[in-house]
């Protein structure tokens, strides 16, 4: 199975991105009641809570990343990802494969 990539954006509204390093785990949590975006997926880390959101705009989704809208139905209520790259303005991550719907940790 191919890797599933996603982009974290909006980190500057929270803690920034300078503390993020490749290999760190992040938690994705669906926000179905989000008034701005019904497919919003927030990104959290232990001890910090929200650090950003999965990009959901053609202007913010980088490279081969999936938008929150494309990722939304592939995961349960929550999922885990791993940071790959921290680059100018955003963070590129992969979705941990066991987080896909239909697997043992289906949310």
N, C-alpha and C. Protein backbone atom coordinates (compact mmCIF):
# COMPACT_ATOMS: atom_id res chain seq x y z
N UNK A 1 0.83 -1.18 0.00
CA UNK A 1 0.00 0.00 0.00
C UNK A 1 0.88 1.25 0.00
N UNK A 2 0.50 2.24 -0.77
CA UNK A 2 1.24 3.49 -0.83
C UNK A 2 1.03 4.31 0.44
N UNK A 3 2.00 5.15 0.72
CA UNK A 3 1.90 6.05 1.86
C UNK A 3 0.78 7.05 1.63
N UNK A 4 0.14 7.47 2.72
CA UNK A 4 -0.84 8.54 2.67
C UNK A 4 -0.23 9.74 3.38
N UNK A 5 -0.07 10.83 2.63
CA UNK A 5 0.55 12.03 3.16
C UNK A 5 -0.53 13.06 3.48
N UNK A 6 -0.26 13.90 4.48
CA UNK A 6 -1.12 15.04 4.76
C UNK A 6 -0.25 16.20 5.23
N UNK A 7 -0.78 17.41 5.07
CA UNK A 7 -0.07 18.63 5.41
C UNK A 7 -0.71 19.26 6.64
N UNK A 8 0.10 19.62 7.63
CA UNK A 8 -0.40 20.36 8.79
C UNK A 8 -0.18 21.84 8.51
N UNK A 9 -1.23 22.64 8.68
CA UNK A 9 -1.15 24.08 8.51
C UNK A 9 -1.69 24.77 9.76
N UNK A 10 -1.50 26.06 9.82
CA UNK A 10 -2.05 26.85 10.93
C UNK A 10 -1.29 26.74 12.22
N UNK A 11 -0.07 26.19 12.17
CA UNK A 11 0.69 26.03 13.40
C UNK A 11 1.03 27.37 14.04
N UNK A 12 1.13 28.43 13.23
CA UNK A 12 1.47 29.75 13.77
C UNK A 12 0.37 30.32 14.66
N UNK A 13 -0.84 29.78 14.59
CA UNK A 13 -1.93 30.20 15.48
C UNK A 13 -1.81 29.55 16.86
N UNK A 14 -0.93 28.57 16.98
CA UNK A 14 -0.83 27.80 18.22
C UNK A 14 0.57 27.92 18.82
N UNK A 15 1.47 26.99 18.50
CA UNK A 15 2.82 26.95 19.09
C UNK A 15 3.93 27.13 18.07
N UNK A 16 3.58 27.34 16.83
CA UNK A 16 4.59 27.38 15.78
C UNK A 16 4.93 25.96 15.33
N UNK A 17 5.96 25.83 14.51
CA UNK A 17 6.34 24.50 14.00
C UNK A 17 7.78 24.15 14.30
N UNK A 18 8.52 25.08 14.90
CA UNK A 18 9.95 24.86 15.11
C UNK A 18 10.26 23.69 16.05
N UNK A 19 9.33 23.35 16.92
CA UNK A 19 9.55 22.25 17.86
C UNK A 19 9.30 20.89 17.21
N UNK A 20 8.64 20.86 16.06
CA UNK A 20 8.31 19.60 15.40
C UNK A 20 9.53 19.04 14.68
N UNK A 21 9.74 17.74 14.83
CA UNK A 21 10.90 17.05 14.23
C UNK A 21 10.43 15.78 13.54
N UNK A 22 11.11 15.37 12.47
CA UNK A 22 10.77 14.11 11.81
C UNK A 22 10.74 12.95 12.81
N UNK A 23 9.73 12.11 12.67
CA UNK A 23 9.57 10.95 13.54
C UNK A 23 8.59 11.18 14.68
N UNK A 24 8.27 12.44 14.98
CA UNK A 24 7.32 12.73 16.07
C UNK A 24 5.92 12.28 15.65
N UNK A 25 5.14 11.80 16.62
CA UNK A 25 3.77 11.37 16.37
C UNK A 25 2.81 12.52 16.64
N UNK A 26 1.75 12.59 15.82
CA UNK A 26 0.68 13.56 16.00
C UNK A 26 -0.65 12.82 15.97
N UNK A 27 -1.62 13.39 16.64
CA UNK A 27 -2.96 12.79 16.70
C UNK A 27 -3.91 13.64 15.86
N UNK A 28 -4.65 12.99 14.97
CA UNK A 28 -5.65 13.66 14.15
C UNK A 28 -7.02 13.39 14.75
N UNK A 29 -7.81 14.43 14.92
CA UNK A 29 -9.14 14.30 15.52
C UNK A 29 -10.15 15.03 14.63
N UNK A 30 -11.17 14.32 14.19
CA UNK A 30 -12.21 14.93 13.38
C UNK A 30 -12.99 15.96 14.20
N UNK A 31 -13.41 17.03 13.54
CA UNK A 31 -14.24 18.07 14.16
C UNK A 31 -15.52 18.24 13.33
N UNK A 32 -16.45 17.28 13.41
CA UNK A 32 -17.66 17.36 12.57
C UNK A 32 -18.54 18.57 12.88
N UNK A 33 -18.40 19.16 14.05
CA UNK A 33 -19.21 20.32 14.42
C UNK A 33 -18.50 21.64 14.15
N UNK A 34 -17.38 21.60 13.46
CA UNK A 34 -16.63 22.81 13.14
C UNK A 34 -17.50 23.70 12.23
N UNK A 35 -17.74 24.93 12.64
CA UNK A 35 -18.63 25.84 11.91
C UNK A 35 -18.04 26.33 10.59
N UNK A 36 -16.73 26.31 10.47
CA UNK A 36 -16.07 26.81 9.26
C UNK A 36 -15.88 25.71 8.22
N UNK A 37 -15.59 24.48 8.66
CA UNK A 37 -15.27 23.38 7.75
C UNK A 37 -15.81 22.08 8.35
N UNK A 38 -16.83 21.51 7.75
CA UNK A 38 -17.45 20.28 8.27
C UNK A 38 -16.53 19.06 8.12
N UNK A 39 -15.44 19.19 7.37
CA UNK A 39 -14.46 18.10 7.23
C UNK A 39 -13.16 18.44 7.94
N UNK A 40 -13.21 19.35 8.90
CA UNK A 40 -12.00 19.77 9.61
C UNK A 40 -11.42 18.61 10.42
N UNK A 41 -10.11 18.52 10.40
CA UNK A 41 -9.38 17.54 11.21
C UNK A 41 -8.29 18.31 11.96
N UNK A 42 -8.44 18.39 13.28
CA UNK A 42 -7.41 19.10 14.06
C UNK A 42 -6.26 18.15 14.36
N UNK A 43 -5.10 18.74 14.59
CA UNK A 43 -3.90 17.97 14.88
C UNK A 43 -3.46 18.33 16.29
N UNK A 44 -3.23 17.31 17.12
CA UNK A 44 -2.88 17.50 18.52
C UNK A 44 -1.58 16.77 18.86
N UNK A 45 -0.98 17.19 19.97
CA UNK A 45 0.15 16.49 20.57
C UNK A 45 -0.08 16.45 22.07
N UNK A 46 0.38 15.39 22.75
CA UNK A 46 0.22 15.30 24.20
C UNK A 46 0.82 16.52 24.90
N UNK A 47 0.09 17.04 25.84
CA UNK A 47 0.57 18.17 26.63
C UNK A 47 0.37 19.52 25.98
N UNK A 48 0.08 19.55 24.69
CA UNK A 48 -0.10 20.81 23.97
C UNK A 48 -1.52 21.00 23.46
N UNK A 49 -2.22 19.92 23.25
CA UNK A 49 -3.53 19.92 22.60
C UNK A 49 -3.36 20.32 21.14
N UNK A 50 -4.14 21.28 20.64
CA UNK A 50 -4.15 21.61 19.21
C UNK A 50 -2.85 22.31 18.79
N UNK A 51 -2.24 21.76 17.73
CA UNK A 51 -1.03 22.40 17.18
C UNK A 51 -1.27 22.90 15.75
N UNK A 52 -2.41 22.54 15.16
CA UNK A 52 -2.74 22.96 13.80
C UNK A 52 -3.89 22.13 13.26
N UNK A 53 -4.05 22.17 11.94
CA UNK A 53 -5.12 21.43 11.26
C UNK A 53 -4.57 20.79 10.00
N UNK A 54 -5.25 19.71 9.55
CA UNK A 54 -4.91 19.11 8.27
C UNK A 54 -5.39 20.08 7.18
N UNK A 55 -4.51 20.41 6.25
CA UNK A 55 -4.84 21.35 5.16
C UNK A 55 -6.06 20.85 4.39
N UNK A 56 -6.94 21.80 4.01
CA UNK A 56 -8.13 21.41 3.27
C UNK A 56 -8.43 22.39 2.15
N UNK A 57 -7.40 22.99 1.61
CA UNK A 57 -7.55 23.95 0.52
C UNK A 57 -6.49 23.66 -0.54
N UNK A 58 -6.84 23.79 -1.81
CA UNK A 58 -5.84 23.57 -2.85
C UNK A 58 -4.62 24.47 -2.69
N UNK A 59 -4.77 25.60 -2.03
CA UNK A 59 -3.65 26.53 -1.83
C UNK A 59 -2.72 26.10 -0.70
N UNK A 60 -3.20 25.22 0.19
CA UNK A 60 -2.38 24.83 1.35
C UNK A 60 -1.95 23.38 1.35
N UNK A 61 -2.57 22.54 0.54
CA UNK A 61 -2.19 21.13 0.45
C UNK A 61 -0.96 21.03 -0.43
N UNK A 62 0.13 20.49 0.11
CA UNK A 62 1.39 20.42 -0.65
C UNK A 62 1.62 19.06 -1.29
N UNK A 63 2.25 19.08 -2.44
CA UNK A 63 2.71 17.86 -3.10
C UNK A 63 1.63 16.81 -3.25
N UNK A 64 1.95 15.60 -2.83
CA UNK A 64 1.04 14.47 -2.94
C UNK A 64 0.17 14.29 -1.69
N UNK A 65 0.10 15.32 -0.87
CA UNK A 65 -0.69 15.26 0.36
C UNK A 65 -2.18 15.17 0.04
N UNK A 66 -2.90 14.51 0.93
CA UNK A 66 -4.36 14.48 0.85
C UNK A 66 -4.92 15.64 1.65
N UNK A 67 -5.98 16.24 1.14
CA UNK A 67 -6.68 17.27 1.89
C UNK A 67 -7.46 16.60 3.02
N UNK A 68 -7.90 17.40 3.98
CA UNK A 68 -8.73 16.86 5.06
C UNK A 68 -9.99 16.23 4.48
N UNK A 69 -10.55 16.83 3.44
CA UNK A 69 -11.76 16.28 2.82
C UNK A 69 -11.54 14.90 2.23
N UNK A 70 -10.40 14.68 1.60
CA UNK A 70 -10.09 13.37 1.02
C UNK A 70 -9.74 12.35 2.09
N UNK A 71 -9.15 12.82 3.18
CA UNK A 71 -8.72 11.94 4.28
C UNK A 71 -9.87 11.59 5.22
N UNK A 72 -10.85 12.46 5.31
CA UNK A 72 -11.91 12.39 6.32
C UNK A 72 -12.60 11.02 6.38
N UNK A 73 -13.00 10.47 5.25
CA UNK A 73 -13.72 9.19 5.24
C UNK A 73 -12.81 7.97 5.29
N UNK A 74 -11.50 8.19 5.28
CA UNK A 74 -10.56 7.07 5.33
C UNK A 74 -10.15 6.71 6.76
N UNK A 75 -10.47 7.61 7.71
CA UNK A 75 -10.10 7.38 9.11
C UNK A 75 -11.35 7.34 9.97
N UNK A 76 -11.19 6.82 11.19
CA UNK A 76 -12.27 6.87 12.17
C UNK A 76 -12.31 8.26 12.79
N UNK A 77 -12.80 8.37 14.01
CA UNK A 77 -12.90 9.66 14.69
C UNK A 77 -11.53 10.25 15.00
N UNK A 78 -10.52 9.40 15.10
CA UNK A 78 -9.16 9.87 15.34
C UNK A 78 -8.18 8.95 14.62
N UNK A 79 -6.97 9.46 14.44
CA UNK A 79 -5.92 8.69 13.78
C UNK A 79 -4.56 9.22 14.26
N UNK A 80 -3.53 8.50 13.93
CA UNK A 80 -2.17 8.88 14.31
C UNK A 80 -1.34 9.07 13.04
N UNK A 81 -0.51 10.09 13.05
CA UNK A 81 0.39 10.34 11.93
C UNK A 81 1.81 10.54 12.43
N UNK A 82 2.74 10.54 11.50
CA UNK A 82 4.16 10.73 11.82
C UNK A 82 4.71 11.88 10.99
N UNK A 83 5.41 12.80 11.65
CA UNK A 83 6.03 13.94 10.96
C UNK A 83 7.16 13.44 10.06
N UNK A 84 7.14 13.88 8.80
CA UNK A 84 8.21 13.57 7.85
C UNK A 84 9.13 14.76 7.63
N UNK A 85 8.54 15.91 7.30
CA UNK A 85 9.30 17.10 6.96
C UNK A 85 8.69 18.33 7.62
N UNK A 86 9.53 19.21 8.10
CA UNK A 86 9.11 20.51 8.59
C UNK A 86 9.73 21.53 7.63
N UNK A 87 8.86 22.15 6.83
CA UNK A 87 9.35 23.08 5.81
C UNK A 87 8.63 24.41 5.93
N UNK A 88 9.06 25.36 5.16
CA UNK A 88 8.53 26.72 5.22
C UNK A 88 7.01 26.74 5.20
N UNK A 89 6.42 27.16 6.31
CA UNK A 89 4.98 27.34 6.37
C UNK A 89 4.15 26.14 6.75
N UNK A 90 4.69 24.94 6.69
CA UNK A 90 3.85 23.77 6.99
C UNK A 90 4.69 22.55 7.37
N UNK A 91 3.96 21.49 7.66
CA UNK A 91 4.57 20.23 8.09
C UNK A 91 3.95 19.11 7.26
N UNK A 92 4.78 18.25 6.68
CA UNK A 92 4.30 17.10 5.91
C UNK A 92 4.41 15.86 6.78
N UNK A 93 3.32 15.07 6.81
CA UNK A 93 3.27 13.86 7.65
C UNK A 93 2.74 12.69 6.83
N UNK A 94 2.90 11.50 7.39
CA UNK A 94 2.26 10.31 6.83
C UNK A 94 1.25 9.80 7.85
N UNK A 95 0.19 9.20 7.34
CA UNK A 95 -0.81 8.58 8.19
C UNK A 95 -0.32 7.19 8.55
N UNK A 96 -0.36 6.84 9.82
CA UNK A 96 0.01 5.49 10.23
C UNK A 96 -1.01 4.52 9.64
N UNK A 97 -0.56 3.51 8.95
CA UNK A 97 -1.44 2.60 8.20
C UNK A 97 -2.50 1.93 9.05
N UNK A 98 -2.18 1.62 10.29
CA UNK A 98 -3.17 0.95 11.14
C UNK A 98 -4.34 1.85 11.50
N UNK A 99 -4.28 3.12 11.12
CA UNK A 99 -5.35 4.08 11.41
C UNK A 99 -6.41 4.12 10.33
N UNK A 100 -6.20 3.43 9.23
CA UNK A 100 -7.19 3.43 8.17
C UNK A 100 -8.43 2.68 8.61
N UNK A 101 -9.59 3.15 8.17
CA UNK A 101 -10.85 2.48 8.51
C UNK A 101 -10.79 1.01 8.13
N UNK A 102 -11.42 0.19 8.95
CA UNK A 102 -11.43 -1.23 8.69
C UNK A 102 -10.29 -1.98 9.33
N UNK A 103 -9.44 -1.26 10.07
CA UNK A 103 -8.34 -1.92 10.77
C UNK A 103 -8.64 -1.97 12.24
N UNK A 104 -7.78 -2.57 13.02
CA UNK A 104 -8.05 -2.85 14.42
C UNK A 104 -8.27 -1.62 15.30
N UNK A 105 -7.70 -0.46 14.97
CA UNK A 105 -7.93 0.68 15.84
C UNK A 105 -8.93 1.66 15.23
N UNK A 106 -9.77 1.17 14.34
CA UNK A 106 -10.80 1.99 13.73
C UNK A 106 -11.55 2.76 14.81
N UNK A 107 -11.59 4.09 14.66
CA UNK A 107 -12.20 4.96 15.66
C UNK A 107 -13.66 4.98 15.56
